Every structure is written in C-alpha cells, then in structure tokens.
Amino acid sequence: MCRWWKEIEVLIVTGATTGKVEANNTGIKRTARGRRNPGNYKSVILMRNAVRTAA
C-alpha cells in the first residue's frame, strides 16, 4: 500500500485511470497481430483508429 500511495492518491483526487489507454493497446495488439512489415503494422493501426473515430 505504501509503495503505491502516490498513484492511489492521484486516482482519488482526479478520478483518472489508464483504462482507456490499456484498452487501446490491447485492441492494437489484436488488430496488428501477425504483421511482420512495420509499414503494414502502422497502416493497420492507423486505419483501425480512423474507423473508430469516424463511427
């Protein structure tokens, strides 16, 4: 508890969590799984995010 007190205090005061960031990271990993070419990997991630923001 003492080790994480600073983070706990920030959560209590601001109510901010990393839930959305972690969800996006998981989605990116799932979407781009199996891509070996860095250009294709980046393209898939950008297309996925564009579709999500347009919808």
Protein backbone atom coordinates (compact mmCIF):
# COMPACT_ATOMS: atom_id res chain seq x y z
CA MET A 1 0.00 0.00 0.00
CA CYS A 2 2.78 2.43 0.89
CA ARG A 3 4.55 1.63 -2.35
CA TRP A 4 1.55 2.71 -4.48
CA TRP A 5 0.25 5.55 -2.31
CA LYS A 6 1.17 8.32 -4.80
CA GLU A 7 -0.81 6.59 -7.57
CA ILE A 8 -3.74 5.86 -5.26
CA GLU A 9 -3.85 9.49 -4.19
CA VAL A 10 -3.91 10.68 -7.82
CA LEU A 11 -6.80 8.30 -8.52
CA ILE A 12 -8.76 9.59 -5.53
CA VAL A 13 -8.17 13.25 -6.33
CA THR A 14 -8.58 13.21 -10.13
CA GLY A 15 -10.54 10.05 -10.84
CA ALA A 16 -8.19 9.42 -13.78
CA THR A 17 -7.28 5.86 -14.73
CA THR A 18 -5.34 4.24 -17.54
CA GLY A 19 -8.28 2.07 -18.57
CA LYS A 20 -8.81 3.68 -21.98
CA VAL A 21 -5.11 3.55 -22.82
CA GLU A 22 -4.88 -0.12 -21.84
CA ALA A 23 -7.98 -0.92 -23.92
CA ASN A 24 -6.46 0.78 -26.96
CA ASN A 25 -3.17 -1.07 -26.50
CA THR A 26 -4.99 -4.40 -26.34
CA GLY A 27 -7.01 -3.56 -29.45
CA ILE A 28 -3.88 -2.56 -31.36
CA LYS A 29 -2.13 -5.77 -30.40
CA ARG A 30 -5.11 -7.85 -31.54
CA THR A 31 -5.60 -5.95 -34.78
CA ALA A 32 -1.97 -5.94 -35.86
CA ARG A 33 -1.15 -9.48 -34.78
CA GLY A 34 0.90 -11.37 -37.34
CA ARG A 35 2.12 -8.32 -39.27
CA ARG A 36 5.86 -8.51 -39.89
CA ASN A 37 6.30 -5.45 -42.07
CA PRO A 38 6.47 -2.29 -39.88
CA GLY A 39 4.75 -0.26 -42.61
CA ASN A 40 1.79 -2.66 -42.73
CA TYR A 41 1.64 -2.72 -38.93
CA LYS A 42 1.43 1.07 -38.80
CA SER A 43 -1.15 1.20 -41.61
CA VAL A 44 -3.44 -1.30 -39.87
CA ILE A 45 -3.27 0.64 -36.61
CA LEU A 46 -4.00 3.97 -38.33
CA MET A 47 -6.91 2.52 -40.32
CA ARG A 48 -8.39 0.95 -37.20
CA ASN A 49 -8.24 4.25 -35.32
CA ALA A 50 -9.70 6.17 -38.29
CA VAL A 51 -12.67 3.79 -38.44
CA ARG A 52 -13.27 4.08 -34.70
CA THR A 53 -13.24 7.90 -34.76
CA ALA A 54 -15.46 8.10 -37.86
CA ALA A 55 -18.10 5.78 -36.45
